[in-house]
Protein backbone atom coordinates (compact mmCIF):
# COMPACT_ATOMS: atom_id res chain seq x y z
CA MET A 1 122.90 74.65 106.11
CA THR A 2 126.34 73.65 107.40
CA SER A 3 126.86 73.09 111.10
CA SER A 4 129.18 76.12 111.29
CA VAL A 5 126.49 78.36 109.78
CA GLN A 6 123.89 76.93 112.15
CA GLU A 7 126.20 77.67 115.07
CA THR A 8 126.64 81.25 113.88
CA VAL A 9 122.87 81.69 113.59
CA ALA A 10 122.37 80.40 117.13
CA LEU A 11 125.05 82.76 118.44
CA LEU A 12 123.62 85.78 116.60
CA LEU A 13 119.95 85.24 117.45
CA PRO A 14 119.96 86.88 120.93
CA GLU A 15 121.89 89.87 119.58
CA ILE A 16 119.51 90.32 116.63
CA THR A 17 116.45 89.94 118.87
CA ALA A 18 117.82 92.65 121.17
CA LEU A 19 118.54 94.88 118.16
CA ARG A 20 114.99 94.46 116.90
CA HIS A 21 113.59 95.43 120.32
CA ARG A 22 115.88 98.45 120.43
CA LEU A 23 114.77 99.58 116.96
CA HIS A 24 111.14 99.08 117.96
CA THR A 25 111.47 101.53 120.85
CA HIS A 26 112.64 104.31 118.53
CA PRO A 27 110.50 104.30 115.36
CA GLU A 28 111.05 106.96 112.73
CA VAL A 29 109.01 107.80 109.64
CA ARG A 30 109.93 108.54 106.04
CA PHE A 31 113.32 110.17 105.52
CA GLU A 32 113.63 110.87 109.27
CA GLU A 33 115.34 107.55 110.09
CA ARG A 34 118.55 109.18 111.30
CA TRP A 35 118.73 107.36 114.65
CA THR A 36 117.86 104.07 112.95
CA SER A 37 120.44 104.65 110.23
CA ASP A 38 123.06 105.41 112.89
CA ARG A 39 122.29 102.16 114.68
CA VAL A 40 122.58 100.13 111.47
CA ALA A 41 125.86 101.85 110.56
CA GLU A 42 127.14 101.26 114.09
CA PHE A 43 126.27 97.56 113.83
CA LEU A 44 127.98 97.19 110.44
CA ALA A 45 131.07 99.11 111.55
CA GLU A 46 131.50 97.00 114.69
CA ALA A 47 131.30 93.87 112.53
CA GLY A 48 133.85 95.31 110.08
CA ILE A 49 131.44 95.23 107.14
CA PRO A 50 132.15 97.84 104.42
CA HIS A 51 129.20 100.15 103.82
CA LYS A 52 128.24 103.48 102.33
CA ARG A 53 125.76 105.93 103.81
CA GLY A 54 123.77 108.88 102.50
CA TYR A 55 121.36 107.24 100.06
CA ALA A 56 117.76 108.39 99.57
CA LYS A 57 117.95 111.85 101.15
CA GLY A 58 120.54 110.74 103.67
CA THR A 59 119.43 107.74 105.72
CA GLY A 60 119.81 104.85 103.25
CA ILE A 61 122.77 102.48 103.58
CA VAL A 62 124.33 99.97 101.19
CA ALA A 63 126.79 97.38 102.50
CA THR A 64 128.73 94.77 100.53
CA VAL A 65 130.02 91.32 101.42
CA GLU A 66 132.42 90.07 98.77
CA GLY A 67 133.19 86.41 98.33
CA ARG A 68 134.93 84.59 95.51
CA PRO A 69 134.32 85.78 91.92
CA GLY A 70 130.72 85.24 90.85
CA LYS A 71 127.35 86.90 90.57
CA THR A 72 125.91 89.55 92.88
CA ALA A 73 122.70 89.08 94.83
CA ALA A 74 121.07 91.98 96.66
CA LEU A 75 119.08 91.71 99.89
CA ARG A 76 116.82 94.60 100.89
CA ALA A 77 115.11 95.70 104.10
CA ASP A 78 112.99 98.79 104.78
CA MET A 79 113.60 100.82 107.95
CA ASP A 80 110.72 103.28 108.41
CA ALA A 81 107.74 103.20 110.77
CA LEU A 82 104.17 104.49 110.69
CA GLU A 83 102.44 107.49 112.24
CA ILE A 84 100.52 105.47 114.84
CA ASP A 85 100.42 105.62 118.65
CA GLU A 86 101.53 102.27 120.06
CA GLN A 87 99.24 100.83 122.73
CA THR A 88 100.63 97.30 122.99
CA GLY A 89 102.07 97.59 126.49
CA LEU A 90 105.21 95.73 125.41
CA SER A 91 108.36 96.23 127.43
CA TYR A 92 110.02 97.48 124.24
CA ALA A 93 107.08 99.58 122.99
CA SER A 94 107.63 102.81 121.13
CA THR A 95 108.89 105.71 123.23
CA ILE A 96 107.94 108.30 120.59
CA PRO A 97 104.35 109.63 120.36
CA ASN A 98 102.54 108.99 117.07
CA ARG A 99 105.29 106.68 115.86
CA MET A 100 105.18 102.87 115.77
CA HIS A 101 106.79 99.99 113.94
CA ALA A 102 103.36 98.56 113.26
CA CYS A 103 104.36 97.07 109.89
CA GLY A 104 107.40 95.14 111.10
CA HIS A 105 110.18 97.11 109.42
CA ASP A 106 112.16 96.95 112.67
CA GLY A 107 112.17 93.18 112.23
CA HIS A 108 113.20 93.47 108.58
CA THR A 109 116.12 95.73 109.49
CA ALA A 110 117.27 93.48 112.32
CA ILE A 111 117.05 90.40 110.08
CA LEU A 112 119.22 92.06 107.41
CA CYS A 113 121.75 93.10 110.04
CA GLY A 114 121.90 89.49 111.18
CA ALA A 115 122.28 88.27 107.60
CA ALA A 116 125.07 90.80 107.05
CA LYS A 117 127.07 89.56 110.02
CA LEU A 118 126.42 85.90 109.14
CA LEU A 119 127.57 86.41 105.56
CA TRP A 120 130.60 88.43 106.65
CA ARG A 121 131.77 85.68 108.99
CA HIS A 122 131.39 83.10 106.23
CA ARG A 123 132.45 85.27 103.29
CA ARG A 124 135.25 82.88 102.30
CA ASP A 125 132.59 80.27 101.54
CA LEU A 126 130.65 82.63 99.26
CA LYS A 127 130.76 82.24 95.51
CA GLY A 128 129.89 85.77 94.46
CA SER A 129 128.93 88.86 96.43
CA VAL A 130 125.96 90.00 98.46
CA ARG A 131 124.77 93.60 98.56
CA LEU A 132 122.77 94.63 101.62
CA ILE A 133 120.33 97.50 101.08
CA PHE A 134 118.85 99.32 104.07
CA GLN A 135 116.10 101.48 102.59
CA PRO A 136 114.22 104.40 104.17
CA ALA A 137 110.73 105.67 103.37
CA GLU A 138 108.95 102.59 102.08
CA GLU A 139 105.66 103.83 103.52
CA ILE A 140 104.08 106.34 101.14
CA ALA A 141 107.24 108.18 100.07
CA GLY A 142 108.85 105.74 97.60
CA GLY A 143 112.33 105.59 99.06
CA GLY A 144 113.04 102.44 97.06
CA GLN A 145 112.95 104.32 93.77
CA LEU A 146 115.49 106.81 95.12
CA MET A 147 117.81 103.96 96.11
CA VAL A 148 117.53 102.51 92.60
CA ASP A 149 118.09 105.91 90.98
CA GLU A 150 121.22 106.37 93.09
CA GLY A 151 122.71 103.05 91.98
CA ALA A 152 121.93 100.70 94.85
CA LEU A 153 121.04 97.91 92.41
CA ASP A 154 123.63 98.64 89.73
CA GLY A 155 125.38 95.40 88.79
CA ALA A 156 123.11 93.18 90.88
CA ASP A 157 121.99 89.98 89.13
CA ALA A 158 118.99 89.44 91.40
CA VAL A 159 117.37 91.11 94.38
CA PHE A 160 115.48 89.43 97.21
CA ALA A 161 113.32 90.85 99.97
CA LEU A 162 110.90 89.57 102.58
CA HIS A 163 108.00 90.84 104.65
CA GLY A 164 106.93 89.52 108.01
CA TRP A 165 103.45 87.97 107.72
CA PRO A 166 101.74 87.25 111.07
CA GLY A 167 99.04 85.16 109.37
CA LEU A 168 101.53 82.45 108.42
CA PRO A 169 102.28 79.64 110.88
CA LEU A 170 105.62 80.00 112.67
CA GLY A 171 108.43 78.47 110.64
CA LYS A 172 106.66 78.73 107.28
CA PHE A 173 107.89 80.72 104.28
CA GLY A 174 105.21 82.20 102.03
CA VAL A 175 106.30 82.02 98.39
CA LYS A 176 104.58 82.91 95.12
CA SER A 177 105.85 83.57 91.61
CA GLY A 178 104.23 86.20 89.39
CA PRO A 179 102.00 88.95 90.84
CA MET A 180 102.51 88.98 94.60
CA MET A 181 101.49 92.47 95.78
CA ALA A 182 99.40 95.23 94.27
CA SER A 183 100.20 98.67 93.00
CA ALA A 184 99.45 101.51 95.39
CA ASN A 185 98.33 104.97 94.35
CA ASP A 186 96.94 107.82 96.46
CA PHE A 187 94.38 110.41 95.49
CA LYS A 188 93.04 113.62 96.99
CA ILE A 189 89.77 115.28 95.97
CA VAL A 190 88.96 118.84 97.00
CA VAL A 191 85.25 119.54 96.63
CA ASN A 192 84.47 123.25 96.43
CA GLY A 193 80.96 124.54 96.96
CA LYS A 194 79.46 127.63 98.54
CA GLY A 195 79.19 127.92 102.28
CA CYS A 196 75.99 129.05 103.95
CA HIS A 197 73.93 128.66 107.11
CA ALA A 198 72.47 125.20 107.66
CA ALA A 199 69.05 126.84 108.11
CA ASP A 200 69.18 128.07 104.52
CA PRO A 201 70.92 125.34 102.45
CA ALA A 202 69.38 126.55 99.18
CA SER A 203 71.49 129.71 99.35
CA GLY A 204 74.70 127.71 99.03
CA ALA A 205 76.12 124.63 97.33
CA ASP A 206 76.82 121.85 99.83
CA PRO A 207 80.25 120.20 99.33
CA ILE A 208 79.57 117.69 102.12
CA LEU A 209 76.54 116.37 100.24
CA ALA A 210 78.60 116.27 97.03
CA GLY A 211 81.46 114.52 98.85
CA ALA A 212 79.11 111.87 100.24
CA HIS A 213 77.73 111.15 96.77
CA ILE A 214 81.25 111.08 95.31
CA THR A 215 82.35 108.59 97.97
CA THR A 216 79.44 106.29 97.18
CA ALA A 217 79.89 106.60 93.43
CA LEU A 218 83.65 105.98 93.56
CA HIS A 219 83.09 102.57 95.08
CA SER A 220 81.02 101.59 92.05
CA ILE A 221 84.07 101.83 89.77
CA VAL A 222 85.51 98.49 90.89
CA SER A 223 82.19 96.67 90.68
CA ARG A 224 80.99 98.20 87.40
CA GLU A 225 84.06 99.19 85.37
CA VAL A 226 86.68 96.57 86.20
CA ASN A 227 86.46 93.05 84.77
CA PRO A 228 85.25 90.74 87.57
CA TRP A 229 88.23 88.46 86.93
CA GLU A 230 90.67 91.26 87.75
CA ALA A 231 91.70 92.24 91.28
CA ALA A 232 91.17 95.87 92.24
CA ALA A 233 90.53 97.93 95.35
CA LEU A 234 89.49 101.56 95.80
CA THR A 235 89.03 103.13 99.21
CA VAL A 236 88.12 106.59 100.47
CA ALA A 237 89.89 106.65 103.83
CA LYS A 238 89.66 110.35 104.81
CA PHE A 239 86.71 112.75 104.74
CA HIS A 240 87.42 116.18 106.23
CA GLY A 241 85.15 119.22 106.21
CA GLY A 242 83.26 121.69 108.31
CA SER A 243 83.93 123.31 111.66
CA ALA A 244 80.45 124.00 113.08
CA THR A 245 77.22 122.04 113.35
CA ASN A 246 75.12 124.80 111.82
CA ILE A 247 77.35 125.98 108.97
CA ILE A 248 77.77 124.33 105.56
CA PRO A 249 81.45 124.81 104.65
CA ASP A 250 82.89 126.16 101.43
CA SER A 251 84.93 123.02 100.76
CA ILE A 252 85.78 119.53 101.97
CA VAL A 253 88.62 117.09 101.25
CA LEU A 254 88.47 113.38 100.43
CA GLU A 255 91.59 111.19 100.36
CA GLY A 256 92.11 107.54 99.58
CA THR A 257 93.95 104.86 97.64
CA TYR A 258 93.42 102.67 94.59
CA ARG A 259 95.19 99.39 93.90
CA SER A 260 95.41 96.70 91.25
CA LEU A 261 97.68 93.98 89.90
CA ASN A 262 98.24 95.39 86.42
CA HIS A 263 98.71 98.73 84.71
CA GLU A 264 95.59 98.56 82.52
CA VAL A 265 93.29 98.23 85.52
CA ASN A 266 95.18 101.10 87.16
CA LYS A 267 94.34 103.29 84.15
CA ILE A 268 90.64 102.41 84.47
CA LEU A 269 90.62 103.28 88.18
CA ARG A 270 92.44 106.57 87.72
CA ALA A 271 90.23 107.70 84.84
CA GLY A 272 87.13 106.66 86.79
CA ILE A 273 88.14 108.66 89.86
CA GLU A 274 88.62 111.82 87.79
CA ARG A 275 85.36 111.40 85.88
CA VAL A 276 83.14 110.37 88.80
CA ALA A 277 84.45 113.11 91.09
CA ALA A 278 84.09 115.89 88.51
CA GLN A 279 80.68 114.95 87.16
CA THR A 280 79.09 114.02 90.49
CA ALA A 281 80.21 117.33 91.99
CA ARG A 282 78.91 119.22 88.97
CA ALA A 283 75.51 117.56 89.29
CA LEU A 284 75.28 118.97 92.81
CA ARG A 285 76.44 122.51 91.88
CA CYS A 286 79.96 121.98 93.17
CA GLU A 287 83.43 121.56 91.69
CA ALA A 288 85.85 118.68 92.32
CA LEU A 289 89.61 119.02 91.88
CA VAL A 290 91.50 115.71 91.81
CA GLU A 291 95.18 115.27 92.65
CA PHE A 292 97.17 112.04 92.51
CA GLY A 293 100.12 111.24 94.76
CA ALA A 294 103.64 111.54 93.37
CA ALA A 295 104.84 108.19 94.81
CA SER A 296 102.98 105.62 92.73
CA TYR A 297 104.00 102.04 93.53
CA PRO A 298 103.84 99.49 90.68
CA PRO A 299 102.64 95.91 91.21
CA LEU A 300 105.24 93.59 92.72
CA VAL A 301 105.80 90.68 90.33
CA ASN A 302 108.16 87.93 91.43
CA ASP A 303 110.48 86.44 88.83
CA ALA A 304 109.53 82.78 88.26
CA ALA A 305 113.11 81.47 88.07
CA MET A 306 114.21 83.30 91.24
CA THR A 307 111.08 82.17 93.06
CA ASP A 308 111.84 78.55 92.15
CA HIS A 309 115.40 79.12 93.37
CA VAL A 310 114.05 80.35 96.73
CA ARG A 311 111.80 77.30 96.98
CA GLY A 312 114.81 75.05 96.44
CA VAL A 313 116.86 76.84 99.09
CA ILE A 314 114.02 76.59 101.64
CA ALA A 315 113.54 72.89 100.89
CA ASP A 316 117.28 72.16 101.17
CA GLU A 317 118.04 74.26 104.24
CA PHE A 318 114.83 73.64 106.19
CA SER A 319 112.39 71.19 104.62
CA PRO A 320 109.84 71.07 101.78
CA GLU A 321 107.14 71.32 104.46
CA ALA A 322 108.43 74.78 105.39
CA ILE A 323 107.23 76.14 102.03
CA HIS A 324 103.79 77.73 102.04
CA ASP A 325 102.61 78.29 98.47
CA VAL A 326 100.68 81.56 98.56
CA ALA A 327 97.47 81.06 96.58
CA SER A 328 96.47 84.67 95.93
CA PRO A 329 98.32 88.00 95.75
CA SER A 330 97.98 90.57 98.48
CA MET A 331 96.43 93.96 97.76
CA ALA A 332 99.01 95.49 100.07
CA ALA A 333 102.00 97.05 98.31
CA GLU A 334 105.80 97.34 98.33
CA ASP A 335 107.84 100.12 96.76
CA LEU A 336 110.77 97.96 95.58
């Protein structure tokens, strides 16, 4: 890293830190990131960086820094938050109920803003161009696919992204080629039975009992249907049903997620969910209807050549000791 670039980084750091804190106070969830999008556009406009708005249902932004003729690299950051009440007590904590940047996308956005300004100031030294992608709706809604469909990656030779990882020591860069993060798929199971009074359970068909057995049986799919050498995860995370302590309801709802590192295992998990839910419910005189979420995230697989390139950049600009070779993939997911 040249001394002039280092000086620019040092000058930008307080501004980017303040931007991150500002973004953290105003978290917005999928496709609602209007305030966040306005702040990013404001930042880019003040720096004089060309950009286009309106991607992915309105809040996505693509900016471009052109250097000398050459290839195009894309850098991407996600902007959305989660539906969580923040209880950190930070001076820059969320000011919006049931909204929090608990996954660090405020940091990602601030980092990309800083990179945009750094690159813009040193654009005459660039061989090639850099495209900066500010993406909404990474959590659950698959905003990344919309950005791709709308041309955000057209003409790009490579795309790079990062994710803050609190488990890594400060100053380390976690790097891994090949499978890095898992697929993510949601499911919903509606179990229909026949409601009745709890004093006379034989007169009905208990969907809560069926749902409990389905939950237990679903967790056997990973241990008994997936090869032990393959990574997979299946979780029932919601169980809703009933409104009184003495009434068996007509129906209950189960919701959860299943994840893997390859498409074949995904097929096993999906088929298992449908079969186990339907047949377990039937055995208990109920009916199970299974729905799968529309936004299905594929596994994230890092290109080996680009990963080696990143390793070289880290070693040259920081030190070889700054590289942390990630041993195992994460079962968390990314949508781009």
